[in-house]
Amino acid sequence: QKDNYGRTCAHWASEGGHLEVLRYLAERFGEGPLSEKDLGGQKCAHLASAGGHLEVVRYLAERCGEGLLSEKDLGGQTCAHLASEGGHLAVVRYLAERCGEGLLSEKTKAGTTCAHAASKAGHVEVLRYLAETCGEGLLREKKIGGWTCAHLASAGGHLEVVRYLAERCGEGLLSEKKIDGQTCAHSASAGGHLEVMRYLAERC
């Protein structure tokens, strides 16, 4: 049975990382519930990835096939986008090993890559891994509106990410403009992030 969000018990067990509950549901009702979509088009694998529940993600891949890990929700997000946003490096690594590195370069309908997702949330270790695996070109990609990883990190006040991006891609990235003409300094100012502003002033 589904709730008002279109979710089954399997969805909620996956989101919470409750592997034994998920096993029980699969034994009782078969694999069907493990592949159901909620109203946002997300399956159990999406929710487990977002929560960083590696053992659940592994189990779902074993039961339902690795194709499940590459599927997109209604916004175009893959499990890799959600794991990157959550800073779950072990899950991101597993997805790349299981599905191929191309998964890490996939874009959502808004043009968001895993690197954008990691930058926005301030996860520098995930960003490092993505750069090592996919190349620094991924760090230079722009999403709809002209947002770079540096804009997103600046808007969130994530100084360590901004620093890393400047070191890896060059300081020119910090002066890139969005479609509306805004630079990283505008993004940092809007969020009130003084330390990021200081760093940008020193570099640019």
N, C-alpha and C. Protein backbone atom coordinates (compact mmCIF):
# COMPACT_ATOMS: atom_id res chain seq x y z
N GLN A 1 0.83 -1.20 0.00
CA GLN A 1 0.00 0.00 0.00
C GLN A 1 0.86 1.26 0.00
N LYS A 2 0.39 2.28 -0.70
CA LYS A 2 1.13 3.53 -0.77
C LYS A 2 0.47 4.60 0.10
N ASP A 3 1.31 5.49 0.65
CA ASP A 3 0.78 6.61 1.43
C ASP A 3 0.51 7.80 0.50
N ASN A 4 0.23 8.95 1.07
CA ASN A 4 -0.11 10.13 0.27
C ASN A 4 1.07 10.69 -0.53
N TYR A 5 2.27 10.22 -0.21
CA TYR A 5 3.46 10.62 -0.96
C TYR A 5 3.80 9.62 -2.06
N GLY A 6 2.95 8.61 -2.17
CA GLY A 6 3.21 7.56 -3.15
C GLY A 6 4.25 6.57 -2.69
N ARG A 7 4.53 6.57 -1.40
CA ARG A 7 5.58 5.70 -0.87
C ARG A 7 5.02 4.44 -0.21
N THR A 8 5.80 3.38 -0.36
CA THR A 8 5.48 2.10 0.28
C THR A 8 6.31 1.98 1.56
N CYS A 9 6.06 0.92 2.31
CA CYS A 9 6.88 0.63 3.50
C CYS A 9 8.35 0.47 3.10
N ALA A 10 8.58 -0.07 1.91
CA ALA A 10 9.95 -0.28 1.43
C ALA A 10 10.67 1.05 1.23
N HIS A 11 9.96 2.05 0.74
CA HIS A 11 10.57 3.38 0.60
C HIS A 11 11.06 3.89 1.95
N TRP A 12 10.19 3.81 2.95
CA TRP A 12 10.53 4.36 4.26
C TRP A 12 11.65 3.57 4.93
N ALA A 13 11.64 2.27 4.76
CA ALA A 13 12.71 1.44 5.32
C ALA A 13 14.05 1.79 4.66
N SER A 14 14.01 2.04 3.36
CA SER A 14 15.24 2.38 2.62
C SER A 14 15.77 3.73 3.06
N GLU A 15 14.88 4.69 3.22
CA GLU A 15 15.30 6.03 3.64
C GLU A 15 15.95 5.99 5.02
N GLY A 16 15.44 5.13 5.89
CA GLY A 16 15.98 5.03 7.24
C GLY A 16 17.16 4.08 7.37
N GLY A 17 17.49 3.37 6.29
CA GLY A 17 18.62 2.44 6.32
C GLY A 17 18.33 1.14 7.05
N HIS A 18 17.06 0.74 7.08
CA HIS A 18 16.66 -0.44 7.84
C HIS A 18 16.66 -1.68 6.95
N LEU A 19 17.84 -2.26 6.81
CA LEU A 19 18.04 -3.38 5.88
C LEU A 19 17.21 -4.60 6.25
N GLU A 20 17.12 -4.92 7.53
CA GLU A 20 16.38 -6.12 7.93
C GLU A 20 14.89 -5.99 7.61
N VAL A 21 14.36 -4.79 7.77
CA VAL A 21 12.95 -4.55 7.41
C VAL A 21 12.77 -4.73 5.91
N LEU A 22 13.71 -4.22 5.15
CA LEU A 22 13.64 -4.33 3.69
C LEU A 22 13.70 -5.79 3.25
N ARG A 23 14.59 -6.55 3.88
CA ARG A 23 14.69 -7.99 3.58
C ARG A 23 13.36 -8.69 3.86
N TYR A 24 12.78 -8.36 5.00
CA TYR A 24 11.50 -8.97 5.38
C TYR A 24 10.42 -8.65 4.35
N LEU A 25 10.35 -7.40 3.92
CA LEU A 25 9.34 -6.99 2.94
C LEU A 25 9.53 -7.72 1.62
N ALA A 26 10.79 -7.90 1.22
CA ALA A 26 11.07 -8.60 -0.04
C ALA A 26 10.70 -10.07 0.06
N GLU A 27 10.97 -10.67 1.22
CA GLU A 27 10.62 -12.09 1.42
C GLU A 27 9.11 -12.28 1.46
N ARG A 28 8.42 -11.30 2.03
CA ARG A 28 6.97 -11.41 2.21
C ARG A 28 6.19 -11.07 0.94
N PHE A 29 6.66 -10.03 0.23
CA PHE A 29 5.88 -9.52 -0.90
C PHE A 29 6.58 -9.60 -2.25
N GLY A 30 7.82 -10.10 -2.25
CA GLY A 30 8.56 -10.18 -3.51
C GLY A 30 9.30 -8.88 -3.79
N GLU A 31 9.95 -8.84 -4.94
CA GLU A 31 10.81 -7.70 -5.27
C GLU A 31 10.06 -6.49 -5.80
N GLY A 32 8.80 -6.66 -6.14
CA GLY A 32 8.01 -5.56 -6.71
C GLY A 32 8.08 -4.26 -5.92
N PRO A 33 7.83 -4.30 -4.60
CA PRO A 33 7.85 -3.07 -3.81
C PRO A 33 9.21 -2.35 -3.83
N LEU A 34 10.29 -3.09 -4.07
CA LEU A 34 11.62 -2.49 -4.07
C LEU A 34 11.86 -1.60 -5.29
N SER A 35 11.01 -1.78 -6.31
CA SER A 35 11.17 -1.02 -7.55
C SER A 35 10.06 0.01 -7.76
N GLU A 36 9.19 0.16 -6.78
CA GLU A 36 8.09 1.12 -6.91
C GLU A 36 8.61 2.56 -6.87
N LYS A 37 7.91 3.45 -7.58
CA LYS A 37 8.25 4.88 -7.56
C LYS A 37 7.28 5.65 -6.67
N ASP A 38 7.80 6.67 -5.98
CA ASP A 38 6.90 7.56 -5.25
C ASP A 38 6.44 8.69 -6.18
N LEU A 39 5.74 9.68 -5.65
CA LEU A 39 5.18 10.74 -6.49
C LEU A 39 6.26 11.58 -7.16
N GLY A 40 7.44 11.59 -6.60
CA GLY A 40 8.56 12.32 -7.19
C GLY A 40 9.39 11.48 -8.14
N GLY A 41 8.92 10.25 -8.37
CA GLY A 41 9.64 9.35 -9.27
C GLY A 41 10.82 8.66 -8.63
N GLN A 42 10.91 8.74 -7.29
CA GLN A 42 12.04 8.12 -6.61
C GLN A 42 11.73 6.70 -6.15
N LYS A 43 12.73 5.85 -6.33
CA LYS A 43 12.65 4.47 -5.88
C LYS A 43 13.43 4.31 -4.57
N CYS A 44 13.38 3.12 -4.03
CA CYS A 44 14.09 2.84 -2.77
C CYS A 44 15.57 3.18 -2.88
N ALA A 45 16.16 2.91 -4.04
CA ALA A 45 17.60 3.16 -4.22
C ALA A 45 17.93 4.65 -4.11
N HIS A 46 17.05 5.50 -4.62
CA HIS A 46 17.27 6.95 -4.49
C HIS A 46 17.31 7.36 -3.02
N LEU A 47 16.35 6.86 -2.26
CA LEU A 47 16.24 7.26 -0.86
C LEU A 47 17.40 6.71 -0.02
N ALA A 48 17.80 5.49 -0.31
CA ALA A 48 18.94 4.90 0.41
C ALA A 48 20.23 5.65 0.08
N SER A 49 20.39 6.05 -1.17
CA SER A 49 21.58 6.80 -1.58
C SER A 49 21.63 8.16 -0.91
N ALA A 50 20.48 8.83 -0.86
CA ALA A 50 20.40 10.15 -0.23
C ALA A 50 20.77 10.08 1.25
N GLY A 51 20.44 8.96 1.89
CA GLY A 51 20.73 8.79 3.30
C GLY A 51 22.09 8.19 3.59
N GLY A 52 22.81 7.81 2.53
CA GLY A 52 24.14 7.23 2.72
C GLY A 52 24.14 5.80 3.22
N HIS A 53 23.07 5.08 2.94
CA HIS A 53 22.93 3.72 3.45
C HIS A 53 23.47 2.71 2.43
N LEU A 54 24.78 2.53 2.47
CA LEU A 54 25.47 1.72 1.45
C LEU A 54 24.99 0.28 1.41
N GLU A 55 24.80 -0.33 2.57
CA GLU A 55 24.38 -1.74 2.59
C GLU A 55 23.00 -1.92 1.97
N VAL A 56 22.13 -0.95 2.16
CA VAL A 56 20.80 -1.00 1.54
C VAL A 56 20.93 -0.85 0.03
N VAL A 57 21.76 0.08 -0.41
CA VAL A 57 21.97 0.28 -1.85
C VAL A 57 22.51 -1.01 -2.48
N ARG A 58 23.47 -1.64 -1.81
CA ARG A 58 24.04 -2.91 -2.30
C ARG A 58 22.96 -3.99 -2.42
N TYR A 59 22.17 -4.10 -1.39
CA TYR A 59 21.11 -5.11 -1.35
C TYR A 59 20.12 -4.90 -2.50
N LEU A 60 19.73 -3.66 -2.72
CA LEU A 60 18.77 -3.35 -3.78
C LEU A 60 19.35 -3.69 -5.16
N ALA A 61 20.63 -3.42 -5.34
CA ALA A 61 21.28 -3.74 -6.62
C ALA A 61 21.33 -5.25 -6.83
N GLU A 62 21.60 -5.98 -5.76
CA GLU A 62 21.66 -7.45 -5.86
C GLU A 62 20.29 -8.05 -6.16
N ARG A 63 19.25 -7.49 -5.54
CA ARG A 63 17.90 -8.04 -5.71
C ARG A 63 17.24 -7.62 -7.01
N CYS A 64 17.47 -6.36 -7.40
CA CYS A 64 16.70 -5.78 -8.52
C CYS A 64 17.54 -5.50 -9.76
N GLY A 65 18.85 -5.68 -9.66
CA GLY A 65 19.72 -5.40 -10.81
C GLY A 65 20.30 -4.00 -10.73
N GLU A 66 21.51 -3.84 -11.28
CA GLU A 66 22.20 -2.56 -11.14
C GLU A 66 21.57 -1.44 -11.97
N GLY A 67 20.71 -1.81 -12.93
CA GLY A 67 20.00 -0.78 -13.71
C GLY A 67 19.20 0.15 -12.83
N LEU A 68 18.76 -0.37 -11.70
CA LEU A 68 18.00 0.42 -10.72
C LEU A 68 18.79 1.63 -10.24
N LEU A 69 20.11 1.49 -10.17
CA LEU A 69 20.97 2.53 -9.61
C LEU A 69 21.18 3.70 -10.57
N SER A 70 20.87 3.47 -11.85
CA SER A 70 21.07 4.51 -12.87
C SER A 70 19.79 5.28 -13.19
N GLU A 71 18.68 4.85 -12.62
CA GLU A 71 17.40 5.47 -12.97
C GLU A 71 17.29 6.89 -12.41
N LYS A 72 16.51 7.71 -13.13
CA LYS A 72 16.33 9.11 -12.73
C LYS A 72 14.93 9.33 -12.16
N ASP A 73 14.86 10.27 -11.20
CA ASP A 73 13.54 10.65 -10.69
C ASP A 73 12.93 11.70 -11.62
N LEU A 74 11.81 12.28 -11.24
CA LEU A 74 11.12 13.22 -12.13
C LEU A 74 11.94 14.48 -12.43
N GLY A 75 12.84 14.83 -11.54
CA GLY A 75 13.71 15.99 -11.76
C GLY A 75 14.99 15.65 -12.49
N GLY A 76 15.16 14.35 -12.78
CA GLY A 76 16.37 13.92 -13.48
C GLY A 76 17.52 13.55 -12.57
N GLN A 77 17.26 13.46 -11.26
CA GLN A 77 18.32 13.08 -10.33
C GLN A 77 18.54 11.57 -10.32
N THR A 78 19.81 11.19 -10.31
CA THR A 78 20.18 9.78 -10.13
C THR A 78 20.55 9.55 -8.66
N CYS A 79 20.81 8.30 -8.33
CA CYS A 79 21.30 7.98 -6.98
C CYS A 79 22.60 8.72 -6.70
N ALA A 80 23.43 8.90 -7.74
CA ALA A 80 24.72 9.57 -7.57
C ALA A 80 24.55 11.04 -7.22
N HIS A 81 23.57 11.71 -7.82
CA HIS A 81 23.30 13.11 -7.45
C HIS A 81 22.95 13.21 -5.96
N LEU A 82 22.08 12.31 -5.52
CA LEU A 82 21.59 12.36 -4.15
C LEU A 82 22.68 12.01 -3.14
N ALA A 83 23.51 11.03 -3.48
CA ALA A 83 24.62 10.66 -2.60
C ALA A 83 25.65 11.79 -2.53
N SER A 84 25.89 12.46 -3.66
CA SER A 84 26.84 13.59 -3.70
C SER A 84 26.34 14.74 -2.85
N GLU A 85 25.06 15.03 -2.97
CA GLU A 85 24.45 16.12 -2.20
C GLU A 85 24.54 15.83 -0.70
N GLY A 86 24.42 14.56 -0.33
CA GLY A 86 24.48 14.19 1.07
C GLY A 86 25.90 14.01 1.60
N GLY A 87 26.89 14.07 0.70
CA GLY A 87 28.28 13.91 1.12
C GLY A 87 28.66 12.47 1.42
N HIS A 88 27.96 11.54 0.81
CA HIS A 88 28.18 10.12 1.10
C HIS A 88 29.16 9.51 0.10
N LEU A 89 30.44 9.71 0.37
CA LEU A 89 31.48 9.33 -0.57
C LEU A 89 31.50 7.83 -0.84
N ALA A 90 31.29 7.01 0.18
CA ALA A 90 31.31 5.56 -0.01
C ALA A 90 30.23 5.12 -0.99
N VAL A 91 29.07 5.75 -0.92
CA VAL A 91 27.98 5.41 -1.85
C VAL A 91 28.33 5.88 -3.25
N VAL A 92 28.89 7.08 -3.37
CA VAL A 92 29.28 7.60 -4.69
C VAL A 92 30.30 6.67 -5.34
N ARG A 93 31.29 6.24 -4.57
CA ARG A 93 32.31 5.29 -5.08
C ARG A 93 31.67 3.99 -5.55
N TYR A 94 30.79 3.46 -4.73
CA TYR A 94 30.13 2.20 -5.07
C TYR A 94 29.34 2.33 -6.37
N LEU A 95 28.61 3.42 -6.51
CA LEU A 95 27.80 3.64 -7.72
C LEU A 95 28.68 3.72 -8.96
N ALA A 96 29.83 4.39 -8.82
CA ALA A 96 30.76 4.51 -9.96
C ALA A 96 31.34 3.14 -10.33
N GLU A 97 31.67 2.36 -9.30
CA GLU A 97 32.24 1.02 -9.55
C GLU A 97 31.20 0.11 -10.19
N ARG A 98 29.96 0.22 -9.74
CA ARG A 98 28.92 -0.71 -10.19
C ARG A 98 28.32 -0.30 -11.54
N CYS A 99 28.16 1.00 -11.75
CA CYS A 99 27.43 1.49 -12.94
C CYS A 99 28.33 2.16 -13.97
N GLY A 100 29.59 2.39 -13.61
CA GLY A 100 30.49 3.09 -14.52
C GLY A 100 30.58 4.57 -14.17
N GLU A 101 31.72 5.16 -14.50
CA GLU A 101 31.99 6.55 -14.12
C GLU A 101 31.09 7.54 -14.85
N GLY A 102 30.52 7.13 -15.97
CA GLY A 102 29.62 8.02 -16.72
C GLY A 102 28.44 8.49 -15.89
N LEU A 103 28.04 7.66 -14.93
CA LEU A 103 26.91 8.03 -14.06
C LEU A 103 27.19 9.33 -13.31
N LEU A 104 28.46 9.57 -12.98
CA LEU A 104 28.83 10.74 -12.20
C LEU A 104 28.77 12.04 -13.00
N SER A 105 28.68 11.91 -14.33
CA SER A 105 28.61 13.10 -15.20
C SER A 105 27.19 13.39 -15.68
N GLU A 106 26.24 12.57 -15.27
CA GLU A 106 24.84 12.77 -15.69
C GLU A 106 24.31 14.11 -15.17
N LYS A 107 23.40 14.70 -15.94
CA LYS A 107 22.80 15.97 -15.55
C LYS A 107 21.31 15.81 -15.26
N THR A 108 20.82 16.60 -14.32
CA THR A 108 19.38 16.64 -14.05
C THR A 108 18.71 17.53 -15.10
N LYS A 109 17.42 17.68 -15.00
CA LYS A 109 16.69 18.55 -15.95
C LYS A 109 17.13 20.01 -15.82
N ALA A 110 17.66 20.37 -14.66
CA ALA A 110 18.15 21.73 -14.44
C ALA A 110 19.63 21.87 -14.81
N GLY A 111 20.22 20.78 -15.34
CA GLY A 111 21.62 20.82 -15.73
C GLY A 111 22.58 20.59 -14.58
N THR A 112 22.07 20.13 -13.46
CA THR A 112 22.90 19.89 -12.27
C THR A 112 23.68 18.60 -12.39
N THR A 113 24.99 18.68 -12.14
CA THR A 113 25.84 17.49 -12.09
C THR A 113 26.05 17.09 -10.62
N CYS A 114 26.70 15.96 -10.42
CA CYS A 114 27.06 15.55 -9.05
C CYS A 114 27.99 16.58 -8.41
N ALA A 115 28.85 17.19 -9.24
CA ALA A 115 29.78 18.20 -8.72
C ALA A 115 29.03 19.43 -8.23
N HIS A 116 27.99 19.84 -8.95
CA HIS A 116 27.16 20.95 -8.48
C HIS A 116 26.52 20.61 -7.13
N ALA A 117 25.98 19.39 -7.05
CA ALA A 117 25.29 18.96 -5.83
C ALA A 117 26.24 18.94 -4.64
N ALA A 118 27.45 18.42 -4.84
CA ALA A 118 28.43 18.36 -3.76
C ALA A 118 28.91 19.76 -3.36
N SER A 119 29.09 20.63 -4.35
CA SER A 119 29.56 22.00 -4.07
C SER A 119 28.53 22.79 -3.28
N LYS A 120 27.28 22.67 -3.68
CA LYS A 120 26.20 23.40 -3.01
C LYS A 120 26.10 23.02 -1.54
N ALA A 121 26.35 21.75 -1.25
CA ALA A 121 26.22 21.26 0.13
C ALA A 121 27.54 21.30 0.90
N GLY A 122 28.64 21.68 0.22
CA GLY A 122 29.91 21.85 0.91
C GLY A 122 30.73 20.60 1.15
N HIS A 123 30.57 19.60 0.29
CA HIS A 123 31.26 18.33 0.49
C HIS A 123 32.52 18.24 -0.37
N VAL A 124 33.62 18.74 0.19
CA VAL A 124 34.86 18.85 -0.59
C VAL A 124 35.46 17.48 -0.91
N GLU A 125 35.32 16.49 -0.04
CA GLU A 125 35.90 15.17 -0.31
C GLU A 125 35.20 14.50 -1.49
N VAL A 126 33.90 14.66 -1.57
CA VAL A 126 33.16 14.13 -2.72
C VAL A 126 33.60 14.85 -3.98
N LEU A 127 33.77 16.15 -3.89
CA LEU A 127 34.19 16.95 -5.04
C LEU A 127 35.57 16.51 -5.53
N ARG A 128 36.48 16.27 -4.60
CA ARG A 128 37.82 15.78 -4.96
C ARG A 128 37.73 14.46 -5.72
N TYR A 129 36.93 13.56 -5.20
CA TYR A 129 36.77 12.25 -5.85
C TYR A 129 36.20 12.41 -7.25
N LEU A 130 35.21 13.26 -7.41
CA LEU A 130 34.60 13.48 -8.73
C LEU A 130 35.62 14.05 -9.71
N ALA A 131 36.45 14.97 -9.24
CA ALA A 131 37.47 15.56 -10.11
C ALA A 131 38.51 14.52 -10.52
N GLU A 132 38.92 13.69 -9.56
CA GLU A 132 39.91 12.65 -9.85
C GLU A 132 39.35 11.61 -10.82
N THR A 133 38.07 11.31 -10.68
CA THR A 133 37.45 10.25 -11.47
C THR A 133 37.00 10.73 -12.85
N CYS A 134 36.45 11.93 -12.91
CA CYS A 134 35.83 12.43 -14.16
C CYS A 134 36.62 13.54 -14.83
N GLY A 135 37.63 14.07 -14.15
CA GLY A 135 38.39 15.18 -14.71
C GLY A 135 37.86 16.53 -14.25
N GLU A 136 38.73 17.53 -14.29
CA GLU A 136 38.33 18.84 -13.76
C GLU A 136 37.30 19.55 -14.63
N GLY A 137 37.11 19.07 -15.85
CA GLY A 137 36.07 19.64 -16.71
C GLY A 137 34.70 19.60 -16.04
N LEU A 138 34.48 18.55 -15.24
CA LEU A 138 33.21 18.42 -14.53
C LEU A 138 33.00 19.58 -13.56
N LEU A 139 34.10 20.07 -12.99
CA LEU A 139 34.02 21.17 -12.02
C LEU A 139 33.72 22.51 -12.68
N ARG A 140 33.93 22.57 -14.00
CA ARG A 140 33.70 23.82 -14.74
C ARG A 140 32.31 23.89 -15.37
N GLU A 141 31.58 22.80 -15.33
CA GLU A 141 30.25 22.75 -15.96
C GLU A 141 29.31 23.80 -15.36
N LYS A 142 28.43 24.32 -16.21
CA LYS A 142 27.42 25.28 -15.74
C LYS A 142 26.05 24.64 -15.82
N LYS A 143 25.25 24.89 -14.81
CA LYS A 143 23.86 24.42 -14.85
C LYS A 143 22.98 25.53 -15.40
N ILE A 144 21.71 25.28 -15.54
CA ILE A 144 20.78 26.28 -16.07
C ILE A 144 20.89 27.56 -15.24
N GLY A 145 20.97 28.69 -15.92
CA GLY A 145 21.15 29.96 -15.23
C GLY A 145 22.60 30.39 -15.18
N GLY A 146 23.50 29.48 -15.59
CA GLY A 146 24.93 29.80 -15.61
C GLY A 146 25.65 29.56 -14.31
N TRP A 147 25.00 28.88 -13.37
CA TRP A 147 25.63 28.59 -12.07
C TRP A 147 26.80 27.62 -12.25
N THR A 148 27.96 28.00 -11.70
CA THR A 148 29.10 27.09 -11.62
C THR A 148 29.14 26.47 -10.22
N CYS A 149 30.02 25.50 -10.06
CA CYS A 149 30.23 24.94 -8.72
C CYS A 149 30.67 26.03 -7.74
N ALA A 150 31.46 26.97 -8.23
CA ALA A 150 31.97 28.05 -7.38
C ALA A 150 30.84 28.98 -6.92
N HIS A 151 29.90 29.28 -7.81
CA HIS A 151 28.74 30.09 -7.41
C HIS A 151 27.97 29.40 -6.28
N LEU A 152 27.73 28.11 -6.47
CA LEU A 152 26.93 27.35 -5.51
C LEU A 152 27.63 27.25 -4.16
N ALA A 153 28.94 27.01 -4.18
CA ALA A 153 29.71 26.93 -2.94
C ALA A 153 29.74 28.29 -2.24
N SER A 154 29.88 29.35 -3.02
CA SER A 154 29.91 30.71 -2.45
C SER A 154 28.57 31.06 -1.82
N ALA A 155 27.49 30.70 -2.50
CA ALA A 155 26.15 30.99 -1.99
C ALA A 155 25.89 30.27 -0.67
N GLY A 156 26.51 29.09 -0.51
CA GLY A 156 26.32 28.32 0.71
C GLY A 156 27.33 28.63 1.80
N GLY A 157 28.32 29.48 1.48
CA GLY A 157 29.33 29.83 2.48
C GLY A 157 30.37 28.75 2.70
N HIS A 158 30.60 27.92 1.70
CA HIS A 158 31.51 26.78 1.85
C HIS A 158 32.92 27.16 1.37
N LEU A 159 33.67 27.80 2.26
CA LEU A 159 34.98 28.34 1.91
C LEU A 159 35.96 27.27 1.45
N GLU A 160 35.95 26.12 2.12
CA GLU A 160 36.88 25.05 1.76
C GLU A 160 36.65 24.59 0.32
N VAL A 161 35.40 24.53 -0.09
CA VAL A 161 35.07 24.13 -1.46
C VAL A 161 35.51 25.21 -2.44
N VAL A 162 35.24 26.46 -2.10
CA VAL A 162 35.65 27.58 -2.98
C VAL A 162 37.16 27.56 -3.17
N ARG A 163 37.90 27.36 -2.09
CA ARG A 163 39.37 27.28 -2.14
C ARG A 163 39.82 26.14 -3.06
N TYR A 164 39.23 24.98 -2.85
CA TYR A 164 39.60 23.81 -3.65
C TYR A 164 39.36 24.06 -5.14
N LEU A 165 38.21 24.64 -5.47
CA LEU A 165 37.88 24.91 -6.87
C LEU A 165 38.87 25.89 -7.49
N ALA A 166 39.28 26.90 -6.73
CA ALA A 166 40.25 27.88 -7.24
C ALA A 166 41.60 27.22 -7.47
N GLU A 167 42.01 26.34 -6.55
CA GLU A 167 43.29 25.64 -6.69
C GLU A 167 43.28 24.68 -7.86
N ARG A 168 42.15 24.01 -8.06
CA ARG A 168 42.07 22.96 -9.09
C ARG A 168 41.82 23.54 -10.48
N CYS A 169 40.97 24.56 -10.56
CA CYS A 169 40.52 25.08 -11.87
C CYS A 169 41.09 26.44 -12.22
N GLY A 170 41.77 27.06 -11.26
CA GLY A 170 42.29 28.41 -11.50
C GLY A 170 41.33 29.47 -10.96
N GLU A 171 41.90 30.59 -10.60
CA GLU A 171 41.11 31.65 -9.97
C GLU A 171 40.11 32.31 -10.92
N GLY A 172 40.31 32.12 -12.21
CA GLY A 172 39.37 32.66 -13.19
C GLY A 172 37.95 32.16 -12.98
N LEU A 173 37.84 30.94 -12.43
CA LEU A 173 36.52 30.37 -12.18
C LEU A 173 35.71 31.23 -11.20
N LEU A 174 36.41 31.90 -10.30
CA LEU A 174 35.75 32.70 -9.27
C LEU A 174 35.15 34.00 -9.84
N SER A 175 35.58 34.36 -11.04
CA SER A 175 35.08 35.59 -11.68
C SER A 175 34.02 35.31 -12.74
N GLU A 176 33.72 34.03 -12.95
CA GLU A 176 32.69 33.66 -13.94
C GLU A 176 31.36 34.30 -13.57
N LYS A 177 30.60 34.66 -14.60
CA LYS A 177 29.29 35.28 -14.36
C LYS A 177 28.15 34.34 -14.74
N LYS A 178 27.10 34.41 -13.94
CA LYS A 178 25.86 33.71 -14.29
C LYS A 178 25.15 34.49 -15.39
N ILE A 179 24.06 33.95 -15.89
CA ILE A 179 23.30 34.62 -16.95
C ILE A 179 22.82 36.00 -16.51
N ASP A 180 22.57 36.16 -15.21
CA ASP A 180 22.09 37.45 -14.69
C ASP A 180 23.24 38.41 -14.36
N GLY A 181 24.48 38.01 -14.71
CA GLY A 181 25.64 38.87 -14.49
C GLY A 181 26.27 38.75 -13.12
N GLN A 182 25.77 37.87 -12.28
CA GLN A 182 26.29 37.76 -10.93
C GLN A 182 27.52 36.86 -10.86
N THR A 183 28.49 37.29 -10.05
CA THR A 183 29.70 36.53 -9.79
C THR A 183 29.56 35.79 -8.45
N CYS A 184 30.62 35.08 -8.10
CA CYS A 184 30.64 34.39 -6.79
C CYS A 184 30.50 35.40 -5.65
N ALA A 185 31.05 36.58 -5.84
CA ALA A 185 30.97 37.61 -4.79
C ALA A 185 29.52 38.01 -4.53
N HIS A 186 28.74 38.12 -5.59
CA HIS A 186 27.31 38.41 -5.40
C HIS A 186 26.63 37.29 -4.61
N SER A 187 26.96 36.05 -4.98
CA SER A 187 26.34 34.89 -4.32
C SER A 187 26.70 34.84 -2.84
N ALA A 188 27.98 35.10 -2.53
CA ALA A 188 28.43 35.08 -1.13
C ALA A 188 27.80 36.24 -0.35
N SER A 189 27.70 37.40 -0.97
CA SER A 189 27.12 38.58 -0.31
C SER A 189 25.65 38.35 0.04
N ALA A 190 24.94 37.75 -0.91
CA ALA A 190 23.50 37.49 -0.69
C ALA A 190 23.28 36.59 0.51
N GLY A 191 24.24 35.67 0.75
CA GLY A 191 24.11 34.76 1.88
C GLY A 191 24.76 35.26 3.16
N GLY A 192 25.43 36.42 3.07
CA GLY A 192 26.08 36.99 4.26
C GLY A 192 27.34 36.25 4.68
N HIS A 193 28.06 35.68 3.72
CA HIS A 193 29.22 34.84 4.03
C HIS A 193 30.52 35.65 3.94
N LEU A 194 30.88 36.27 5.06
CA LEU A 194 32.00 37.21 5.11
C LEU A 194 33.33 36.55 4.78
N GLU A 195 33.59 35.36 5.33
CA GLU A 195 34.88 34.71 5.09
C GLU A 195 35.07 34.38 3.61
N VAL A 196 34.01 33.97 2.96
CA VAL A 196 34.09 33.70 1.52
C VAL A 196 34.34 35.01 0.78
N MET A 197 33.66 36.08 1.19
CA MET A 197 33.85 37.39 0.56
C MET A 197 35.30 37.85 0.69
N ARG A 198 35.87 37.68 1.88
CA ARG A 198 37.27 38.07 2.11
C ARG A 198 38.20 37.30 1.16
N TYR A 199 37.96 36.00 1.09
CA TYR A 199 38.80 35.16 0.23
C TYR A 199 38.69 35.59 -1.23
N LEU A 200 37.48 35.85 -1.69
CA LEU A 200 37.27 36.27 -3.08
C LEU A 200 37.94 37.61 -3.35
N ALA A 201 37.87 38.51 -2.39
CA ALA A 201 38.50 39.83 -2.55
C ALA A 201 40.01 39.70 -2.68
N GLU A 202 40.60 38.78 -1.92
CA GLU A 202 42.05 38.56 -1.98
C GLU A 202 42.47 37.95 -3.32
N ARG A 203 41.62 37.07 -3.85
CA ARG A 203 41.97 36.32 -5.05
C ARG A 203 41.59 37.01 -6.35
N CYS A 204 40.51 37.77 -6.33
CA CYS A 204 39.99 38.34 -7.57
C CYS A 204 40.18 39.84 -7.64
